[in-house]
All heavy atoms as atom14 arrays in JSON, in Angstrom:
{
  "sequence": "AKGEVQKQWGKLTDDDMDVIEGEREKLSGQIQARYGIAKDEADRQI",
  "atom14_mask": [
    [1, 1, 1, 1, 1, 0, 0, 0, 0, 0, 0, 0, 0, 0],
    [1, 1, 1, 1, 1, 1, 1, 1, 1, 0, 0, 0, 0, 0],
    [1, 1, 1, 1, 0, 0, 0, 0, 0, 0, 0, 0, 0, 0],
    [1, 1, 1, 1, 1, 1, 1, 1, 1, 0, 0, 0, 0, 0],
    [1, 1, 1, 1, 1, 1, 1, 0, 0, 0, 0, 0, 0, 0],
    [1, 1, 1, 1, 1, 1, 1, 1, 1, 0, 0, 0, 0, 0],
    [1, 1, 1, 1, 1, 1, 1, 1, 1, 0, 0, 0, 0, 0],
    [1, 1, 1, 1, 1, 1, 1, 1, 1, 0, 0, 0, 0, 0],
    [1, 1, 1, 1, 1, 1, 1, 1, 1, 1, 1, 1, 1, 1],
    [1, 1, 1, 1, 0, 0, 0, 0, 0, 0, 0, 0, 0, 0],
    [1, 1, 1, 1, 1, 1, 1, 1, 1, 0, 0, 0, 0, 0],
    [1, 1, 1, 1, 1, 1, 1, 1, 0, 0, 0, 0, 0, 0],
    [1, 1, 1, 1, 1, 1, 1, 0, 0, 0, 0, 0, 0, 0],
    [1, 1, 1, 1, 1, 1, 1, 1, 0, 0, 0, 0, 0, 0],
    [1, 1, 1, 1, 1, 1, 1, 1, 0, 0, 0, 0, 0, 0],
    [1, 1, 1, 1, 1, 1, 1, 1, 0, 0, 0, 0, 0, 0],
    [1, 1, 1, 1, 1, 1, 1, 1, 0, 0, 0, 0, 0, 0],
    [1, 1, 1, 1, 1, 1, 1, 1, 0, 0, 0, 0, 0, 0],
    [1, 1, 1, 1, 1, 1, 1, 0, 0, 0, 0, 0, 0, 0],
    [1, 1, 1, 1, 1, 1, 1, 1, 0, 0, 0, 0, 0, 0],
    [1, 1, 1, 1, 1, 1, 1, 1, 1, 0, 0, 0, 0, 0],
    [1, 1, 1, 1, 0, 0, 0, 0, 0, 0, 0, 0, 0, 0],
    [1, 1, 1, 1, 1, 1, 1, 1, 1, 0, 0, 0, 0, 0],
    [1, 1, 1, 1, 1, 1, 1, 1, 1, 1, 1, 0, 0, 0],
    [1, 1, 1, 1, 1, 1, 1, 1, 1, 0, 0, 0, 0, 0],
    [1, 1, 1, 1, 1, 1, 1, 1, 1, 0, 0, 0, 0, 0],
    [1, 1, 1, 1, 1, 1, 1, 1, 0, 0, 0, 0, 0, 0],
    [1, 1, 1, 1, 1, 1, 0, 0, 0, 0, 0, 0, 0, 0],
    [1, 1, 1, 1, 0, 0, 0, 0, 0, 0, 0, 0, 0, 0],
    [1, 1, 1, 1, 1, 1, 1, 1, 1, 0, 0, 0, 0, 0],
    [1, 1, 1, 1, 1, 1, 1, 1, 0, 0, 0, 0, 0, 0],
    [1, 1, 1, 1, 1, 1, 1, 1, 1, 0, 0, 0, 0, 0],
    [1, 1, 1, 1, 1, 0, 0, 0, 0, 0, 0, 0, 0, 0],
    [1, 1, 1, 1, 1, 1, 1, 1, 1, 1, 1, 0, 0, 0],
    [1, 1, 1, 1, 1, 1, 1, 1, 1, 1, 1, 1, 0, 0],
    [1, 1, 1, 1, 0, 0, 0, 0, 0, 0, 0, 0, 0, 0],
    [1, 1, 1, 1, 1, 1, 1, 1, 0, 0, 0, 0, 0, 0],
    [1, 1, 1, 1, 1, 0, 0, 0, 0, 0, 0, 0, 0, 0],
    [1, 1, 1, 1, 1, 1, 1, 1, 1, 0, 0, 0, 0, 0],
    [1, 1, 1, 1, 1, 1, 1, 1, 0, 0, 0, 0, 0, 0],
    [1, 1, 1, 1, 1, 1, 1, 1, 1, 0, 0, 0, 0, 0],
    [1, 1, 1, 1, 1, 0, 0, 0, 0, 0, 0, 0, 0, 0],
    [1, 1, 1, 1, 1, 1, 1, 1, 0, 0, 0, 0, 0, 0],
    [1, 1, 1, 1, 1, 1, 1, 1, 1, 1, 1, 0, 0, 0],
    [1, 1, 1, 1, 1, 1, 1, 1, 1, 0, 0, 0, 0, 0],
    [1, 1, 1, 1, 1, 1, 1, 1, 0, 0, 0, 0, 0, 0]
  ],
  "atom14_positions": [
    [[-8.41, -11.54, -15.88], [-9.06, -11.72, -14.58], [-8.1, -11.49, -13.42], [-8.54, -11.14, -12.32], [-9.65, -13.13, -14.48], [0.0, 0.0, 0.0], [0.0, 0.0, 0.0], [0.0, 0.0, 0.0], [0.0, 0.0, 0.0], [0.0, 0.0, 0.0], [0.0, 0.0, 0.0], [0.0, 0.0, 0.0], [0.0, 0.0, 0.0], [0.0, 0.0, 0.0]],
    [[-6.8, -11.66, -13.64], [-5.84, -11.52, -12.55], [-5.97, -10.18, -11.84], [-5.91, -10.11, -10.62], [-4.4, -11.68, -13.06], [-4.05, -13.08, -13.42], [-2.57, -13.3, -13.62], [-1.91, -12.47, -14.65], [-0.52, -12.89, -14.92], [0.0, 0.0, 0.0], [0.0, 0.0, 0.0], [0.0, 0.0, 0.0], [0.0, 0.0, 0.0], [0.0, 0.0, 0.0]],
    [[-6.17, -9.12, -12.58], [-6.29, -7.79, -11.98], [-7.5, -7.7, -11.06], [-7.42, -7.13, -9.98], [0.0, 0.0, 0.0], [0.0, 0.0, 0.0], [0.0, 0.0, 0.0], [0.0, 0.0, 0.0], [0.0, 0.0, 0.0], [0.0, 0.0, 0.0], [0.0, 0.0, 0.0], [0.0, 0.0, 0.0], [0.0, 0.0, 0.0], [0.0, 0.0, 0.0]],
    [[-8.61, -8.29, -11.5], [-9.82, -8.28, -10.67], [-9.62, -9.12, -9.41], [-10.09, -8.75, -8.33], [-11.01, -8.8, -11.47], [-11.42, -7.89, -12.6], [-11.84, -6.51, -12.13], [-12.58, -6.41, -11.13], [-11.42, -5.52, -12.75], [0.0, 0.0, 0.0], [0.0, 0.0, 0.0], [0.0, 0.0, 0.0], [0.0, 0.0, 0.0], [0.0, 0.0, 0.0]],
    [[-8.94, -10.24, -9.55], [-8.67, -11.11, -8.4], [-7.78, -10.36, -7.41], [-8.04, -10.37, -6.2], [-8.02, -12.44, -8.86], [-7.49, -13.23, -7.67], [-9.01, -13.28, -9.65], [0.0, 0.0, 0.0], [0.0, 0.0, 0.0], [0.0, 0.0, 0.0], [0.0, 0.0, 0.0], [0.0, 0.0, 0.0], [0.0, 0.0, 0.0], [0.0, 0.0, 0.0]],
    [[-6.76, -9.68, -7.91], [-5.86, -8.95, -7.0], [-6.55, -7.76, -6.36], [-6.21, -7.38, -5.24], [-4.59, -8.53, -7.73], [-3.63, -9.7, -7.88], [-2.3, -9.29, -8.49], [-2.27, -8.74, -9.58], [-1.23, -9.58, -7.79], [0.0, 0.0, 0.0], [0.0, 0.0, 0.0], [0.0, 0.0, 0.0], [0.0, 0.0, 0.0], [0.0, 0.0, 0.0]],
    [[-7.54, -7.16, -7.05], [-8.32, -6.08, -6.43], [-9.12, -6.62, -5.25], [-9.21, -6.0, -4.21], [-9.29, -5.49, -7.45], [-8.83, -4.22, -8.07], [-9.97, -3.58, -8.81], [-9.56, -3.43, -10.26], [-10.61, -2.87, -11.1], [0.0, 0.0, 0.0], [0.0, 0.0, 0.0], [0.0, 0.0, 0.0], [0.0, 0.0, 0.0], [0.0, 0.0, 0.0]],
    [[-9.69, -7.8, -5.44], [-10.52, -8.41, -4.39], [-9.67, -8.89, -3.22], [-10.05, -8.73, -2.07], [-11.33, -9.57, -4.98], [-12.18, -10.32, -3.98], [-13.29, -9.47, -3.39], [-13.83, -8.6, -4.05], [-13.62, -9.71, -2.14], [0.0, 0.0, 0.0], [0.0, 0.0, 0.0], [0.0, 0.0, 0.0], [0.0, 0.0, 0.0], [0.0, 0.0, 0.0]],
    [[-8.57, -9.55, -3.53], [-7.68, -10.12, -2.5], [-6.31, -9.48, -2.66], [-5.4, -10.05, -3.27], [-7.62, -11.64, -2.64], [-8.93, -12.3, -2.34], [-9.46, -12.53, -1.12], [-9.89, -12.79, -3.29], [-10.69, -13.13, -1.24], [-10.98, -13.31, -2.56], [-9.94, -12.85, -4.69], [-12.09, -13.86, -3.18], [-11.05, -13.39, -5.31], [-12.11, -13.89, -4.55]],
    [[-6.16, -8.3, -2.1], [-4.96, -7.5, -2.28], [-3.68, -8.1, -1.74], [-2.59, -7.67, -2.13], [0.0, 0.0, 0.0], [0.0, 0.0, 0.0], [0.0, 0.0, 0.0], [0.0, 0.0, 0.0], [0.0, 0.0, 0.0], [0.0, 0.0, 0.0], [0.0, 0.0, 0.0], [0.0, 0.0, 0.0], [0.0, 0.0, 0.0], [0.0, 0.0, 0.0]],
    [[-3.78, -9.07, -0.85], [-2.56, -9.69, -0.31], [-1.95, -10.69, -1.29], [-0.82, -11.12, -1.08], [-2.87, -10.41, 1.01], [-3.18, -9.47, 2.15], [-3.38, -10.25, 3.44], [-3.73, -9.34, 4.6], [-3.92, -10.1, 5.85], [0.0, 0.0, 0.0], [0.0, 0.0, 0.0], [0.0, 0.0, 0.0], [0.0, 0.0, 0.0], [0.0, 0.0, 0.0]],
    [[-2.68, -11.06, -2.33], [-2.14, -12.0, -3.32], [-1.14, -11.28, -4.2], [-1.4, -10.2, -4.71], [-3.27, -12.6, -4.18], [-4.29, -13.46, -3.43], [-5.36, -13.95, -4.41], [-3.63, -14.64, -2.73], [0.0, 0.0, 0.0], [0.0, 0.0, 0.0], [0.0, 0.0, 0.0], [0.0, 0.0, 0.0], [0.0, 0.0, 0.0], [0.0, 0.0, 0.0]],
    [[0.01, -11.89, -4.37], [1.11, -11.29, -5.13], [1.07, -11.76, -6.59], [0.33, -12.68, -6.95], [2.45, -11.7, -4.52], [2.61, -13.12, -4.69], [2.54, -11.33, -3.04], [0.0, 0.0, 0.0], [0.0, 0.0, 0.0], [0.0, 0.0, 0.0], [0.0, 0.0, 0.0], [0.0, 0.0, 0.0], [0.0, 0.0, 0.0], [0.0, 0.0, 0.0]],
    [[1.91, -11.14, -7.4], [2.06, -11.59, -8.78], [2.54, -13.04, -8.83], [2.11, -13.81, -9.69], [3.03, -10.69, -9.55], [2.44, -9.32, -9.85], [1.2, -9.19, -9.88], [3.22, -8.37, -10.05], [0.0, 0.0, 0.0], [0.0, 0.0, 0.0], [0.0, 0.0, 0.0], [0.0, 0.0, 0.0], [0.0, 0.0, 0.0], [0.0, 0.0, 0.0]],
    [[3.42, -13.4, -7.91], [3.88, -14.79, -7.84], [2.72, -15.72, -7.52], [2.62, -16.82, -8.07], [4.98, -14.96, -6.8], [6.31, -14.37, -7.25], [6.48, -14.13, -8.47], [7.17, -14.12, -6.39], [0.0, 0.0, 0.0], [0.0, 0.0, 0.0], [0.0, 0.0, 0.0], [0.0, 0.0, 0.0], [0.0, 0.0, 0.0], [0.0, 0.0, 0.0]],
    [[1.81, -15.3, -6.61], [0.62, -16.1, -6.31], [-0.21, -16.29, -7.58], [-0.71, -17.39, -7.84], [-0.25, -15.42, -5.25], [0.4, -15.38, -3.88], [1.21, -16.26, -3.56], [0.08, -14.44, -3.11], [0.0, 0.0, 0.0], [0.0, 0.0, 0.0], [0.0, 0.0, 0.0], [0.0, 0.0, 0.0], [0.0, 0.0, 0.0], [0.0, 0.0, 0.0]],
    [[-0.35, -15.23, -8.36], [-1.14, -15.31, -9.59], [-0.54, -16.33, -10.55], [-1.26, -17.06, -11.22], [-1.22, -13.94, -10.27], [-1.97, -12.89, -9.5], [-3.72, -13.27, -9.3], [-3.78, -13.55, -7.56], [0.0, 0.0, 0.0], [0.0, 0.0, 0.0], [0.0, 0.0, 0.0], [0.0, 0.0, 0.0], [0.0, 0.0, 0.0], [0.0, 0.0, 0.0]],
    [[0.8, -16.38, -10.6], [1.47, -17.35, -11.47], [1.22, -18.77, -10.98], [1.06, -19.69, -11.79], [2.98, -17.08, -11.54], [3.29, -15.79, -12.29], [2.42, -15.3, -13.05], [4.41, -15.27, -12.1], [0.0, 0.0, 0.0], [0.0, 0.0, 0.0], [0.0, 0.0, 0.0], [0.0, 0.0, 0.0], [0.0, 0.0, 0.0], [0.0, 0.0, 0.0]],
    [[1.18, -18.97, -9.67], [0.91, -20.29, -9.1], [-0.54, -20.7, -9.39], [-0.82, -21.84, -9.76], [1.16, -20.29, -7.57], [0.6, -21.53, -6.91], [2.64, -20.16, -7.28], [0.0, 0.0, 0.0], [0.0, 0.0, 0.0], [0.0, 0.0, 0.0], [0.0, 0.0, 0.0], [0.0, 0.0, 0.0], [0.0, 0.0, 0.0], [0.0, 0.0, 0.0]],
    [[-1.46, -19.76, -9.25], [-2.88, -20.06, -9.4], [-3.22, -20.46, -10.83], [-3.97, -21.42, -11.05], [-3.73, -18.83, -8.96], [-3.55, -18.62, -7.46], [-5.2, -19.04, -9.32], [-4.01, -17.25, -6.97], [0.0, 0.0, 0.0], [0.0, 0.0, 0.0], [0.0, 0.0, 0.0], [0.0, 0.0, 0.0], [0.0, 0.0, 0.0], [0.0, 0.0, 0.0]],
    [[-2.68, -19.73, -11.82], [-2.87, -20.04, -13.24], [-4.33, -20.32, -13.61], [-4.62, -21.18, -14.43], [-2.03, -21.25, -13.65], [-0.54, -21.02, -13.54], [0.25, -22.26, -13.9], [-0.22, -23.39, -13.66], [1.35, -22.08, -14.43], [0.0, 0.0, 0.0], [0.0, 0.0, 0.0], [0.0, 0.0, 0.0], [0.0, 0.0, 0.0], [0.0, 0.0, 0.0]],
    [[-5.26, -19.61, -12.99], [-6.67, -19.78, -13.34], [-7.35, -20.96, -12.69], [-8.52, -21.24, -12.98], [0.0, 0.0, 0.0], [0.0, 0.0, 0.0], [0.0, 0.0, 0.0], [0.0, 0.0, 0.0], [0.0, 0.0, 0.0], [0.0, 0.0, 0.0], [0.0, 0.0, 0.0], [0.0, 0.0, 0.0], [0.0, 0.0, 0.0], [0.0, 0.0, 0.0]],
    [[-6.68, -21.67, -11.8], [-7.26, -22.84, -11.13], [-7.96, -22.41, -9.85], [-7.34, -21.84, -8.95], [-6.18, -23.88, -10.82], [-5.48, -24.43, -12.04], [-6.4, -25.25, -12.93], [-7.33, -25.91, -12.41], [-6.18, -25.24, -14.15], [0.0, 0.0, 0.0], [0.0, 0.0, 0.0], [0.0, 0.0, 0.0], [0.0, 0.0, 0.0], [0.0, 0.0, 0.0]],
    [[-9.24, -22.69, -9.76], [-10.04, -22.26, -8.62], [-9.5, -22.82, -7.3], [-9.44, -22.11, -6.3], [-11.49, -22.71, -8.83], [-12.46, -22.1, -7.85], [-13.86, -22.62, -8.13], [-14.89, -21.82, -7.5], [-15.17, -21.83, -6.22], [-14.49, -22.6, -5.39], [-16.14, -21.08, -5.72], [0.0, 0.0, 0.0], [0.0, 0.0, 0.0], [0.0, 0.0, 0.0]],
    [[-9.15, -24.1, -7.26], [-8.64, -24.7, -6.03], [-7.33, -24.06, -5.59], [-7.09, -23.88, -4.4], [-8.47, -26.21, -6.19], [-9.78, -26.98, -6.18], [-10.6, -26.75, -4.91], [-10.04, -26.85, -3.8], [-11.79, -26.44, -5.04], [0.0, 0.0, 0.0], [0.0, 0.0, 0.0], [0.0, 0.0, 0.0], [0.0, 0.0, 0.0], [0.0, 0.0, 0.0]],
    [[-6.49, -23.7, -6.55], [-5.24, -23.03, -6.21], [-5.52, -21.64, -5.67], [-4.85, -21.18, -4.74], [-4.31, -22.97, -7.42], [-3.75, -24.32, -7.81], [-2.83, -24.19, -9.0], [-2.27, -25.54, -9.42], [-1.41, -25.4, -10.62], [0.0, 0.0, 0.0], [0.0, 0.0, 0.0], [0.0, 0.0, 0.0], [0.0, 0.0, 0.0], [0.0, 0.0, 0.0]],
    [[-6.51, -20.94, -6.25], [-6.89, -19.63, -5.72], [-7.35, -19.77, -4.28], [-6.92, -19.01, -3.4], [-8.0, -19.0, -6.57], [-8.6, -17.7, -6.02], [-7.54, -16.61, -5.87], [-9.74, -17.23, -6.91], [0.0, 0.0, 0.0], [0.0, 0.0, 0.0], [0.0, 0.0, 0.0], [0.0, 0.0, 0.0], [0.0, 0.0, 0.0], [0.0, 0.0, 0.0]],
    [[-8.19, -20.76, -4.02], [-8.67, -20.99, -2.67], [-7.5, -21.23, -1.72], [-7.44, -20.65, -0.63], [-9.62, -22.19, -2.65], [-10.07, -22.45, -1.35], [0.0, 0.0, 0.0], [0.0, 0.0, 0.0], [0.0, 0.0, 0.0], [0.0, 0.0, 0.0], [0.0, 0.0, 0.0], [0.0, 0.0, 0.0], [0.0, 0.0, 0.0], [0.0, 0.0, 0.0]],
    [[-6.56, -22.04, -2.13], [-5.39, -22.33, -1.29], [-4.54, -21.11, -1.01], [-4.08, -20.91, 0.12], [0.0, 0.0, 0.0], [0.0, 0.0, 0.0], [0.0, 0.0, 0.0], [0.0, 0.0, 0.0], [0.0, 0.0, 0.0], [0.0, 0.0, 0.0], [0.0, 0.0, 0.0], [0.0, 0.0, 0.0], [0.0, 0.0, 0.0], [0.0, 0.0, 0.0]],
    [[-4.35, -20.28, -2.02], [-3.54, -19.07, -1.83], [-4.26, -18.08, -0.92], [-3.63, -17.42, -0.09], [-3.22, -18.42, -3.18], [-2.3, -19.24, -4.07], [-0.97, -19.54, -3.42], [-0.71, -20.66, -3.01], [-0.12, -18.55, -3.32], [0.0, 0.0, 0.0], [0.0, 0.0, 0.0], [0.0, 0.0, 0.0], [0.0, 0.0, 0.0], [0.0, 0.0, 0.0]],
    [[-5.58, -17.97, -1.05], [-6.35, -17.09, -0.17], [-6.24, -17.59, 1.27], [-6.02, -16.81, 2.2], [-7.82, -17.0, -0.61], [-7.93, -16.26, -1.95], [-8.67, -16.3, 0.45], [-9.3, -16.35, -2.6], [0.0, 0.0, 0.0], [0.0, 0.0, 0.0], [0.0, 0.0, 0.0], [0.0, 0.0, 0.0], [0.0, 0.0, 0.0], [0.0, 0.0, 0.0]],
    [[-6.36, -18.9, 1.46], [-6.23, -19.47, 2.8], [-4.87, -19.13, 3.4], [-4.79, -18.71, 4.56], [-6.37, -21.0, 2.75], [-7.76, -21.49, 2.4], [-7.74, -22.98, 2.12], [-7.36, -23.76, 2.97], [-8.16, -23.37, 0.92], [0.0, 0.0, 0.0], [0.0, 0.0, 0.0], [0.0, 0.0, 0.0], [0.0, 0.0, 0.0], [0.0, 0.0, 0.0]],
    [[-3.82, -19.29, 2.6], [-2.47, -19.05, 3.1], [-2.23, -17.58, 3.42], [-1.67, -17.24, 4.47], [-1.45, -19.54, 2.07], [0.0, 0.0, 0.0], [0.0, 0.0, 0.0], [0.0, 0.0, 0.0], [0.0, 0.0, 0.0], [0.0, 0.0, 0.0], [0.0, 0.0, 0.0], [0.0, 0.0, 0.0], [0.0, 0.0, 0.0], [0.0, 0.0, 0.0]],
    [[-2.63, -16.68, 2.53], [-2.35, -15.25, 2.71], [-3.21, -14.61, 3.8], [-2.76, -13.68, 4.47], [-2.57, -14.49, 1.41], [-1.59, -14.81, 0.32], [-0.26, -14.17, 0.61], [0.68, -14.55, -0.45], [1.96, -14.73, -0.25], [2.48, -14.57, 0.93], [2.73, -15.08, -1.24], [0.0, 0.0, 0.0], [0.0, 0.0, 0.0], [0.0, 0.0, 0.0]],
    [[-4.44, -15.11, 3.96], [-5.37, -14.47, 4.9], [-5.56, -15.28, 6.18], [-6.26, -14.83, 7.09], [-6.72, -14.2, 4.23], [-6.63, -13.08, 3.23], [-6.27, -13.33, 1.91], [-6.87, -11.76, 3.6], [-6.16, -12.3, 0.99], [-6.77, -10.72, 2.69], [-6.41, -11.0, 1.38], [-6.3, -9.98, 0.47], [0.0, 0.0, 0.0], [0.0, 0.0, 0.0]],
    [[-4.99, -16.49, 6.24], [-5.1, -17.29, 7.45], [-6.53, -17.72, 7.75], [-6.96, -17.69, 8.9], [0.0, 0.0, 0.0], [0.0, 0.0, 0.0], [0.0, 0.0, 0.0], [0.0, 0.0, 0.0], [0.0, 0.0, 0.0], [0.0, 0.0, 0.0], [0.0, 0.0, 0.0], [0.0, 0.0, 0.0], [0.0, 0.0, 0.0], [0.0, 0.0, 0.0]],
    [[-7.27, -18.07, 6.7], [-8.66, -18.48, 6.88], [-8.83, -19.94, 6.44], [-7.98, -20.5, 5.77], [-9.63, -17.57, 6.09], [-9.32, -17.6, 4.59], [-9.58, -16.15, 6.63], [-10.31, -16.82, 3.74], [0.0, 0.0, 0.0], [0.0, 0.0, 0.0], [0.0, 0.0, 0.0], [0.0, 0.0, 0.0], [0.0, 0.0, 0.0], [0.0, 0.0, 0.0]],
    [[-9.95, -20.51, 6.84], [-10.26, -21.91, 6.52], [-10.71, -22.02, 5.07], [-11.16, -21.05, 4.45], [-11.36, -22.42, 7.45], [0.0, 0.0, 0.0], [0.0, 0.0, 0.0], [0.0, 0.0, 0.0], [0.0, 0.0, 0.0], [0.0, 0.0, 0.0], [0.0, 0.0, 0.0], [0.0, 0.0, 0.0], [0.0, 0.0, 0.0], [0.0, 0.0, 0.0]],
    [[-10.64, -23.24, 4.55], [-11.03, -23.52, 3.17], [-12.47, -23.12, 2.89], [-12.76, -22.51, 1.87], [-10.82, -25.0, 2.85], [-11.16, -25.35, 1.4], [-10.87, -26.81, 1.12], [-11.08, -27.24, -0.31], [-11.79, -26.4, -1.21], [0.0, 0.0, 0.0], [0.0, 0.0, 0.0], [0.0, 0.0, 0.0], [0.0, 0.0, 0.0], [0.0, 0.0, 0.0]],
    [[-13.38, -23.45, 3.81], [-14.78, -23.11, 3.56], [-15.0, -21.61, 3.47], [-15.81, -21.13, 2.67], [-15.72, -23.77, 4.57], [-15.47, -23.35, 6.01], [-14.35, -22.92, 6.34], [-16.41, -23.49, 6.82], [0.0, 0.0, 0.0], [0.0, 0.0, 0.0], [0.0, 0.0, 0.0], [0.0, 0.0, 0.0], [0.0, 0.0, 0.0], [0.0, 0.0, 0.0]],
    [[-14.27, -20.83, 4.25], [-14.37, -19.38, 4.18], [-13.78, -18.85, 2.87], [-14.36, -17.97, 2.24], [-13.69, -18.72, 5.38], [-13.64, -17.2, 5.33], [-14.98, -16.5, 5.27], [-16.03, -17.12, 5.58], [-15.0, -15.31, 4.89], [0.0, 0.0, 0.0], [0.0, 0.0, 0.0], [0.0, 0.0, 0.0], [0.0, 0.0, 0.0], [0.0, 0.0, 0.0]],
    [[-12.65, -19.39, 2.47], [-12.06, -18.97, 1.19], [-13.01, -19.29, 0.04], [-13.22, -18.46, -0.85], [-10.71, -19.66, 0.98], [0.0, 0.0, 0.0], [0.0, 0.0, 0.0], [0.0, 0.0, 0.0], [0.0, 0.0, 0.0], [0.0, 0.0, 0.0], [0.0, 0.0, 0.0], [0.0, 0.0, 0.0], [0.0, 0.0, 0.0], [0.0, 0.0, 0.0]],
    [[-13.59, -20.48, 0.06], [-14.54, -20.87, -0.99], [-15.77, -19.97, -0.98], [-16.28, -19.59, -2.04], [-14.94, -22.33, -0.85], [-13.81, -23.29, -1.18], [-12.86, -22.88, -1.89], [-13.88, -24.45, -0.75], [0.0, 0.0, 0.0], [0.0, 0.0, 0.0], [0.0, 0.0, 0.0], [0.0, 0.0, 0.0], [0.0, 0.0, 0.0], [0.0, 0.0, 0.0]],
    [[-16.25, -19.58, 0.2], [-17.4, -18.68, 0.29], [-17.06, -17.32, -0.32], [-17.85, -16.75, -1.07], [-17.83, -18.51, 1.75], [-19.12, -17.67, 1.89], [-19.34, -17.17, 3.3], [-18.29, -16.27, 3.76], [-18.14, -15.0, 3.36], [-18.96, -14.48, 2.49], [-17.16, -14.26, 3.84], [0.0, 0.0, 0.0], [0.0, 0.0, 0.0], [0.0, 0.0, 0.0]],
    [[-15.87, -16.83, -0.03], [-15.45, -15.55, -0.59], [-15.36, -15.61, -2.11], [-15.78, -14.68, -2.8], [-14.1, -15.11, 0.0], [-14.17, -14.68, 1.43], [-12.85, -14.19, 1.96], [-11.93, -13.86, 1.2], [-12.73, -14.12, 3.29], [0.0, 0.0, 0.0], [0.0, 0.0, 0.0], [0.0, 0.0, 0.0], [0.0, 0.0, 0.0], [0.0, 0.0, 0.0]],
    [[-14.83, -16.71, -2.63], [-14.74, -16.87, -4.08], [-16.14, -16.92, -4.69], [-16.41, -16.26, -5.7], [-13.94, -18.14, -4.44], [-12.47, -17.98, -4.03], [-14.05, -18.43, -5.95], [-11.66, -19.25, -4.09], [0.0, 0.0, 0.0], [0.0, 0.0, 0.0], [0.0, 0.0, 0.0], [0.0, 0.0, 0.0], [0.0, 0.0, 0.0], [0.0, 0.0, 0.0]]
  ]
}
């Protein structure tokens, strides 16, 4: 799934993927940090 996630959110790095480890909340947090968006927007995108 990491490849598909990185296709969708291209600013996420391999290091981000290691941090996320398949955890939805961590993905949301990394998207918020990389894209400068609010939690509700990151969750909507997911």
